[in-house]
Amino acid sequence: VWGKRQLYELLCDFWSNHFNIDVNHDTAAAHK
């Protein structure tokens, strides 16, 4: 919403989904 690195944030969203890790996973949560 407030950042200036807009294309970068879209790419971060893309790669977060490509290498998806569910933050609700008990053991993975603190590492996410």
ModelCIF file with pLDDT and N, C-alpha, C, O atoms, coordinates in Angstrom:
data_MODEL
#
_entry.id   MODEL 
#
_entity.id                         1 
_entity.type                       polymer 
_entity.pdbx_number_of_molecules   1 
#
_entity_poly.entity_id                      1 
_entity_poly.type                           'polypeptide(L)' 
_entity_poly.nstd_linkage                   no 
_entity_poly.nstd_monomer                   no 
_entity_poly.pdbx_seq_one_letter_code       VWGKRQLYELLCDFWSNHFNIDVNHDTAAAHK 
_entity_poly.pdbx_seq_one_letter_code_can   VWGKRQLYELLCDFWSNHFNIDVNHDTAAAHK 
_entity_poly.pdbx_strand_id                 A 
#
loop_
_entity_poly_seq.entity_id 
_entity_poly_seq.num 
_entity_poly_seq.mon_id 
_entity_poly_seq.hetero 
1 1  VAL n 
1 2  TRP n 
1 3  GLY n 
1 4  LYS n 
1 5  ARG n 
1 6  GLN n 
1 7  LEU n 
1 8  TYR n 
1 9  GLU n 
1 10 LEU n 
1 11 LEU n 
1 12 CYS n 
1 13 ASP n 
1 14 PHE n 
1 15 TRP n 
1 16 SER n 
1 17 ASN n 
1 18 HIS n 
1 19 PHE n 
1 20 ASN n 
1 21 ILE n 
1 22 ASP n 
1 23 VAL n 
1 24 ASN n 
1 25 HIS n 
1 26 ASP n 
1 27 THR n 
1 28 ALA n 
1 29 ALA n 
1 30 ALA n 
1 31 HIS n 
1 32 LYS n 
#
_struct_asym.id          A 
_struct_asym.entity_id   1 
#
loop_
_ma_qa_metric.id 
_ma_qa_metric.mode 
_ma_qa_metric.name 
_ma_qa_metric.software_group_id 
_ma_qa_metric.type 
1 global pLDDT . pLDDT 
2 local  pLDDT . pLDDT 
#
_ma_qa_metric_global.metric_id      1 
_ma_qa_metric_global.metric_value   97.88 
_ma_qa_metric_global.model_id       1 
_ma_qa_metric_global.ordinal_id     1 
#
loop_
_ma_qa_metric_local.label_asym_id 
_ma_qa_metric_local.label_comp_id 
_ma_qa_metric_local.label_seq_id 
_ma_qa_metric_local.metric_id 
_ma_qa_metric_local.metric_value 
_ma_qa_metric_local.model_id 
_ma_qa_metric_local.ordinal_id 
A VAL 1  2 98.00 1 1  
A TRP 2  2 98.00 1 2  
A GLY 3  2 98.00 1 3  
A LYS 4  2 98.00 1 4  
A ARG 5  2 98.00 1 5  
A GLN 6  2 98.00 1 6  
A LEU 7  2 98.00 1 7  
A TYR 8  2 98.00 1 8  
A GLU 9  2 98.00 1 9  
A LEU 10 2 98.00 1 10 
A LEU 11 2 98.00 1 11 
A CYS 12 2 98.00 1 12 
A ASP 13 2 98.00 1 13 
A PHE 14 2 98.00 1 14 
A TRP 15 2 98.00 1 15 
A SER 16 2 98.00 1 16 
A ASN 17 2 98.00 1 17 
A HIS 18 2 98.00 1 18 
A PHE 19 2 98.00 1 19 
A ASN 20 2 98.00 1 20 
A ILE 21 2 98.00 1 21 
A ASP 22 2 98.00 1 22 
A VAL 23 2 98.00 1 23 
A ASN 24 2 98.00 1 24 
A HIS 25 2 97.00 1 25 
A ASP 26 2 96.00 1 26 
A THR 27 2 97.00 1 27 
A ALA 28 2 98.00 1 28 
A ALA 29 2 98.00 1 29 
A ALA 30 2 98.00 1 30 
A HIS 31 2 98.00 1 31 
A LYS 32 2 98.00 1 32 
#
loop_
_atom_site.group_PDB 
_atom_site.id 
_atom_site.type_symbol 
_atom_site.label_atom_id 
_atom_site.label_alt_id 
_atom_site.label_comp_id 
_atom_site.label_asym_id 
_atom_site.label_entity_id 
_atom_site.label_seq_id 
_atom_site.pdbx_PDB_ins_code 
_atom_site.Cartn_x 
_atom_site.Cartn_y 
_atom_site.Cartn_z 
_atom_site.occupancy 
_atom_site.B_iso_or_equiv 
_atom_site.pdbx_formal_charge 
_atom_site.auth_seq_id 
_atom_site.auth_comp_id 
_atom_site.auth_asym_id 
_atom_site.auth_atom_id 
_atom_site.pdbx_PDB_model_num 
ATOM 1   N N  . VAL A 1 1  ? 0.819  -1.214  0.000  1.00 98.00 ? 1  VAL A N  1 
ATOM 2   C CA . VAL A 1 1  ? 0.000  0.000   0.000  1.00 98.00 ? 1  VAL A CA 1 
ATOM 3   C C  . VAL A 1 1  ? 0.854  1.265   0.000  1.00 98.00 ? 1  VAL A C  1 
ATOM 4   O O  . VAL A 1 1  ? 0.589  2.189   -0.769 1.00 98.00 ? 1  VAL A O  1 
ATOM 5   N N  . TRP A 1 2  ? 1.873  1.314   0.854  1.00 98.00 ? 2  TRP A N  1 
ATOM 6   C CA . TRP A 1 2  ? 2.611  2.562   1.050  1.00 98.00 ? 2  TRP A CA 1 
ATOM 7   C C  . TRP A 1 2  ? 4.048  2.521   0.521  1.00 98.00 ? 2  TRP A C  1 
ATOM 8   O O  . TRP A 1 2  ? 4.738  3.540   0.555  1.00 98.00 ? 2  TRP A O  1 
ATOM 9   N N  . GLY A 1 3  ? 4.507  1.382   0.039  1.00 98.00 ? 3  GLY A N  1 
ATOM 10  C CA . GLY A 1 3  ? 5.868  1.287   -0.440 1.00 98.00 ? 3  GLY A CA 1 
ATOM 11  C C  . GLY A 1 3  ? 6.048  1.838   -1.842 1.00 98.00 ? 3  GLY A C  1 
ATOM 12  O O  . GLY A 1 3  ? 5.090  1.968   -2.604 1.00 98.00 ? 3  GLY A O  1 
ATOM 13  N N  . LYS A 1 4  ? 7.300  2.162   -2.172 1.00 98.00 ? 4  LYS A N  1 
ATOM 14  C CA . LYS A 1 4  ? 7.642  2.676   -3.496 1.00 98.00 ? 4  LYS A CA 1 
ATOM 15  C C  . LYS A 1 4  ? 8.194  1.586   -4.419 1.00 98.00 ? 4  LYS A C  1 
ATOM 16  O O  . LYS A 1 4  ? 8.244  1.766   -5.636 1.00 98.00 ? 4  LYS A O  1 
ATOM 17  N N  . ARG A 1 5  ? 8.607  0.465   -3.841 1.00 98.00 ? 5  ARG A N  1 
ATOM 18  C CA . ARG A 1 5  ? 9.169  -0.628  -4.644 1.00 98.00 ? 5  ARG A CA 1 
ATOM 19  C C  . ARG A 1 5  ? 8.040  -1.524  -5.136 1.00 98.00 ? 5  ARG A C  1 
ATOM 20  O O  . ARG A 1 5  ? 7.956  -2.689  -4.747 1.00 98.00 ? 5  ARG A O  1 
ATOM 21  N N  . GLN A 1 6  ? 7.188  -0.994  -5.976 1.00 98.00 ? 6  GLN A N  1 
ATOM 22  C CA . GLN A 1 6  ? 5.954  -1.679  -6.330 1.00 98.00 ? 6  GLN A CA 1 
ATOM 23  C C  . GLN A 1 6  ? 6.179  -2.945  -7.164 1.00 98.00 ? 6  GLN A C  1 
ATOM 24  O O  . GLN A 1 6  ? 5.628  -3.996  -6.837 1.00 98.00 ? 6  GLN A O  1 
ATOM 25  N N  . LEU A 1 7  ? 6.963  -2.866  -8.214 1.00 98.00 ? 7  LEU A N  1 
ATOM 26  C CA . LEU A 1 7  ? 7.210  -4.059  -9.033 1.00 98.00 ? 7  LEU A CA 1 
ATOM 27  C C  . LEU A 1 7  ? 7.942  -5.117  -8.212 1.00 98.00 ? 7  LEU A C  1 
ATOM 28  O O  . LEU A 1 7  ? 7.650  -6.307  -8.333 1.00 98.00 ? 7  LEU A O  1 
ATOM 29  N N  . TYR A 1 8  ? 8.868  -4.700  -7.399 1.00 98.00 ? 8  TYR A N  1 
ATOM 30  C CA . TYR A 1 8  ? 9.583  -5.635  -6.525 1.00 98.00 ? 8  TYR A CA 1 
ATOM 31  C C  . TYR A 1 8  ? 8.623  -6.365  -5.591 1.00 98.00 ? 8  TYR A C  1 
ATOM 32  O O  . TYR A 1 8  ? 8.752  -7.572  -5.388 1.00 98.00 ? 8  TYR A O  1 
ATOM 33  N N  . GLU A 1 9  ? 7.670  -5.645  -5.028 1.00 98.00 ? 9  GLU A N  1 
ATOM 34  C CA . GLU A 1 9  ? 6.715  -6.282  -4.119 1.00 98.00 ? 9  GLU A CA 1 
ATOM 35  C C  . GLU A 1 9  ? 5.832  -7.278  -4.866 1.00 98.00 ? 9  GLU A C  1 
ATOM 36  O O  . GLU A 1 9  ? 5.484  -8.327  -4.324 1.00 98.00 ? 9  GLU A O  1 
ATOM 37  N N  . LEU A 1 10 ? 5.469  -6.957  -6.100 1.00 98.00 ? 10 LEU A N  1 
ATOM 38  C CA . LEU A 1 10 ? 4.706  -7.921  -6.899 1.00 98.00 ? 10 LEU A CA 1 
ATOM 39  C C  . LEU A 1 10 ? 5.532  -9.176  -7.167 1.00 98.00 ? 10 LEU A C  1 
ATOM 40  O O  . LEU A 1 10 ? 5.005  -10.288 -7.148 1.00 98.00 ? 10 LEU A O  1 
ATOM 41  N N  . LEU A 1 11 ? 6.815  -8.994  -7.413 1.00 98.00 ? 11 LEU A N  1 
ATOM 42  C CA . LEU A 1 11 ? 7.691  -10.152 -7.630 1.00 98.00 ? 11 LEU A CA 1 
ATOM 43  C C  . LEU A 1 11 ? 7.868  -10.947 -6.340 1.00 98.00 ? 11 LEU A C  1 
ATOM 44  O O  . LEU A 1 11 ? 7.926  -12.176 -6.378 1.00 98.00 ? 11 LEU A O  1 
ATOM 45  N N  . CYS A 1 12 ? 7.953  -10.270 -5.212 1.00 98.00 ? 12 CYS A N  1 
ATOM 46  C CA . CYS A 1 12 ? 8.040  -10.991 -3.935 1.00 98.00 ? 12 CYS A CA 1 
ATOM 47  C C  . CYS A 1 12 ? 6.788  -11.826 -3.705 1.00 98.00 ? 12 CYS A C  1 
ATOM 48  O O  . CYS A 1 12 ? 6.865  -12.956 -3.223 1.00 98.00 ? 12 CYS A O  1 
ATOM 49  N N  . ASP A 1 13 ? 5.644  -11.268 -4.050 1.00 98.00 ? 13 ASP A N  1 
ATOM 50  C CA . ASP A 1 13 ? 4.395  -12.020 -3.949 1.00 98.00 ? 13 ASP A CA 1 
ATOM 51  C C  . ASP A 1 13 ? 4.431  -13.241 -4.862 1.00 98.00 ? 13 ASP A C  1 
ATOM 52  O O  . ASP A 1 13 ? 4.011  -14.330 -4.469 1.00 98.00 ? 13 ASP A O  1 
ATOM 53  N N  . PHE A 1 14 ? 4.933  -13.059 -6.079 1.00 98.00 ? 14 PHE A N  1 
ATOM 54  C CA . PHE A 1 14 ? 5.028  -14.173 -7.027 1.00 98.00 ? 14 PHE A CA 1 
ATOM 55  C C  . PHE A 1 14 ? 5.907  -15.292 -6.464 1.00 98.00 ? 14 PHE A C  1 
ATOM 56  O O  . PHE A 1 14 ? 5.509  -16.457 -6.478 1.00 98.00 ? 14 PHE A O  1 
ATOM 57  N N  . TRP A 1 15 ? 7.089  -14.947 -5.972 1.00 98.00 ? 15 TRP A N  1 
ATOM 58  C CA . TRP A 1 15 ? 8.018  -15.978 -5.485 1.00 98.00 ? 15 TRP A CA 1 
ATOM 59  C C  . TRP A 1 15 ? 7.555  -16.590 -4.170 1.00 98.00 ? 15 TRP A C  1 
ATOM 60  O O  . TRP A 1 15 ? 7.850  -17.750 -3.885 1.00 98.00 ? 15 TRP A O  1 
ATOM 61  N N  . SER A 1 16 ? 6.833  -15.816 -3.371 1.00 98.00 ? 16 SER A N  1 
ATOM 62  C CA . SER A 1 16 ? 6.268  -16.386 -2.140 1.00 98.00 ? 16 SER A CA 1 
ATOM 63  C C  . SER A 1 16 ? 5.292  -17.504 -2.465 1.00 98.00 ? 16 SER A C  1 
ATOM 64  O O  . SER A 1 16 ? 5.202  -18.493 -1.737 1.00 98.00 ? 16 SER A O  1 
ATOM 65  N N  . ASN A 1 17 ? 4.561  -17.342 -3.562 1.00 98.00 ? 17 ASN A N  1 
ATOM 66  C CA . ASN A 1 17 ? 3.637  -18.385 -3.988 1.00 98.00 ? 17 ASN A CA 1 
ATOM 67  C C  . ASN A 1 17 ? 4.351  -19.523 -4.700 1.00 98.00 ? 17 ASN A C  1 
ATOM 68  O O  . ASN A 1 17 ? 3.959  -20.683 -4.577 1.00 98.00 ? 17 ASN A O  1 
ATOM 69  N N  . HIS A 1 18 ? 5.398  -19.190 -5.443 1.00 98.00 ? 18 HIS A N  1 
ATOM 70  C CA . HIS A 1 18 ? 6.151  -20.239 -6.135 1.00 98.00 ? 18 HIS A CA 1 
ATOM 71  C C  . HIS A 1 18 ? 6.804  -21.183 -5.138 1.00 98.00 ? 18 HIS A C  1 
ATOM 72  O O  . HIS A 1 18 ? 6.786  -22.401 -5.317 1.00 98.00 ? 18 HIS A O  1 
ATOM 73  N N  . PHE A 1 19 ? 7.378  -20.612 -4.090 1.00 98.00 ? 19 PHE A N  1 
ATOM 74  C CA . PHE A 1 19 ? 7.992  -21.410 -3.018 1.00 98.00 ? 19 PHE A CA 1 
ATOM 75  C C  . PHE A 1 19 ? 7.089  -21.347 -1.782 1.00 98.00 ? 19 PHE A C  1 
ATOM 76  O O  . PHE A 1 19 ? 7.532  -20.972 -0.697 1.00 98.00 ? 19 PHE A O  1 
ATOM 77  N N  . ASN A 1 20 ? 5.838  -21.712 -1.961 1.00 98.00 ? 20 ASN A N  1 
ATOM 78  C CA . ASN A 1 20 ? 4.854  -21.481 -0.912 1.00 98.00 ? 20 ASN A CA 1 
ATOM 79  C C  . ASN A 1 20 ? 5.145  -22.266 0.367  1.00 98.00 ? 20 ASN A C  1 
ATOM 80  O O  . ASN A 1 20 ? 5.481  -23.450 0.333  1.00 98.00 ? 20 ASN A O  1 
ATOM 81  N N  . ILE A 1 21 ? 5.007  -21.575 1.482  1.00 98.00 ? 21 ILE A N  1 
ATOM 82  C CA . ILE A 1 21 ? 5.100  -22.168 2.820  1.00 98.00 ? 21 ILE A CA 1 
ATOM 83  C C  . ILE A 1 21 ? 3.961  -21.589 3.644  1.00 98.00 ? 21 ILE A C  1 
ATOM 84  O O  . ILE A 1 21 ? 3.871  -20.371 3.804  1.00 98.00 ? 21 ILE A O  1 
ATOM 85  N N  . ASP A 1 22 ? 3.108  -22.428 4.159  1.00 98.00 ? 22 ASP A N  1 
ATOM 86  C CA . ASP A 1 22 ? 1.963  -21.980 4.943  1.00 98.00 ? 22 ASP A CA 1 
ATOM 87  C C  . ASP A 1 22 ? 2.428  -21.559 6.333  1.00 98.00 ? 22 ASP A C  1 
ATOM 88  O O  . ASP A 1 22 ? 2.956  -22.374 7.089  1.00 98.00 ? 22 ASP A O  1 
ATOM 89  N N  . VAL A 1 23 ? 2.233  -20.292 6.665  1.00 98.00 ? 23 VAL A N  1 
ATOM 90  C CA . VAL A 1 23 ? 2.673  -19.789 7.965  1.00 98.00 ? 23 VAL A CA 1 
ATOM 91  C C  . VAL A 1 23 ? 1.858  -20.384 9.110  1.00 98.00 ? 23 VAL A C  1 
ATOM 92  O O  . VAL A 1 23 ? 2.236  -20.242 10.273 1.00 98.00 ? 23 VAL A O  1 
ATOM 93  N N  . ASN A 1 24 ? 0.739  -21.051 8.797  1.00 98.00 ? 24 ASN A N  1 
ATOM 94  C CA . ASN A 1 24 ? -0.054 -21.718 9.844  1.00 98.00 ? 24 ASN A CA 1 
ATOM 95  C C  . ASN A 1 24 ? 0.518  -23.081 10.237 1.00 98.00 ? 24 ASN A C  1 
ATOM 96  O O  . ASN A 1 24 ? 0.073  -23.686 11.213 1.00 98.00 ? 24 ASN A O  1 
ATOM 97  N N  . HIS A 1 25 ? 1.493  -23.558 9.484  1.00 97.00 ? 25 HIS A N  1 
ATOM 98  C CA . HIS A 1 25 ? 2.169  -24.808 9.824  1.00 97.00 ? 25 HIS A CA 1 
ATOM 99  C C  . HIS A 1 25 ? 2.937  -24.592 11.125 1.00 97.00 ? 25 HIS A C  1 
ATOM 100 O O  . HIS A 1 25 ? 3.797  -23.714 11.200 1.00 97.00 ? 25 HIS A O  1 
ATOM 101 N N  . ASP A 1 26 ? 2.630  -25.389 12.148 1.00 96.00 ? 26 ASP A N  1 
ATOM 102 C CA . ASP A 1 26 ? 3.144  -25.125 13.493 1.00 96.00 ? 26 ASP A CA 1 
ATOM 103 C C  . ASP A 1 26 ? 4.655  -24.936 13.541 1.00 96.00 ? 26 ASP A C  1 
ATOM 104 O O  . ASP A 1 26 ? 5.145  -23.957 14.104 1.00 96.00 ? 26 ASP A O  1 
ATOM 105 N N  . THR A 1 27 ? 5.394  -25.877 12.948 1.00 97.00 ? 27 THR A N  1 
ATOM 106 C CA . THR A 1 27 ? 6.846  -25.817 13.053 1.00 97.00 ? 27 THR A CA 1 
ATOM 107 C C  . THR A 1 27 ? 7.443  -24.766 12.128 1.00 97.00 ? 27 THR A C  1 
ATOM 108 O O  . THR A 1 27 ? 8.470  -24.168 12.448 1.00 97.00 ? 27 THR A O  1 
ATOM 109 N N  . ALA A 1 28 ? 6.812  -24.540 10.995 1.00 98.00 ? 28 ALA A N  1 
ATOM 110 C CA . ALA A 1 28 ? 7.354  -23.592 10.017 1.00 98.00 ? 28 ALA A CA 1 
ATOM 111 C C  . ALA A 1 28 ? 7.081  -22.139 10.384 1.00 98.00 ? 28 ALA A C  1 
ATOM 112 O O  . ALA A 1 28 ? 7.789  -21.244 9.921  1.00 98.00 ? 28 ALA A O  1 
ATOM 113 N N  . ALA A 1 29 ? 6.068  -21.891 11.207 1.00 98.00 ? 29 ALA A N  1 
ATOM 114 C CA . ALA A 1 29 ? 5.598  -20.525 11.449 1.00 98.00 ? 29 ALA A CA 1 
ATOM 115 C C  . ALA A 1 29 ? 6.713  -19.576 11.886 1.00 98.00 ? 29 ALA A C  1 
ATOM 116 O O  . ALA A 1 29 ? 6.882  -18.507 11.299 1.00 98.00 ? 29 ALA A O  1 
ATOM 117 N N  . ALA A 1 30 ? 7.461  -19.956 12.898 1.00 98.00 ? 30 ALA A N  1 
ATOM 118 C CA . ALA A 1 30 ? 8.493  -19.057 13.421 1.00 98.00 ? 30 ALA A CA 1 
ATOM 119 C C  . ALA A 1 30 ? 9.631  -18.846 12.425 1.00 98.00 ? 30 ALA A C  1 
ATOM 120 O O  . ALA A 1 30 ? 10.347 -17.847 12.495 1.00 98.00 ? 30 ALA A O  1 
ATOM 121 N N  . HIS A 1 31 ? 9.795  -19.788 11.500 1.00 98.00 ? 31 HIS A N  1 
ATOM 122 C CA . HIS A 1 31 ? 10.861 -19.680 10.491 1.00 98.00 ? 31 HIS A CA 1 
ATOM 123 C C  . HIS A 1 31 ? 10.439 -18.870 9.266  1.00 98.00 ? 31 HIS A C  1 
ATOM 124 O O  . HIS A 1 31 ? 11.295 -18.421 8.503  1.00 98.00 ? 31 HIS A O  1 
ATOM 125 N N  . LYS A 1 32 ? 9.132  -18.676 9.067  1.00 98.00 ? 32 LYS A N  1 
ATOM 126 C CA . LYS A 1 32 ? 8.660  -18.068 7.831  1.00 98.00 ? 32 LYS A CA 1 
ATOM 127 C C  . LYS A 1 32 ? 9.163  -16.639 7.614  1.00 98.00 ? 32 LYS A C  1 
ATOM 128 O O  . LYS A 1 32 ? 8.835  -16.015 6.605  1.00 98.00 ? 32 LYS A O  1 
#
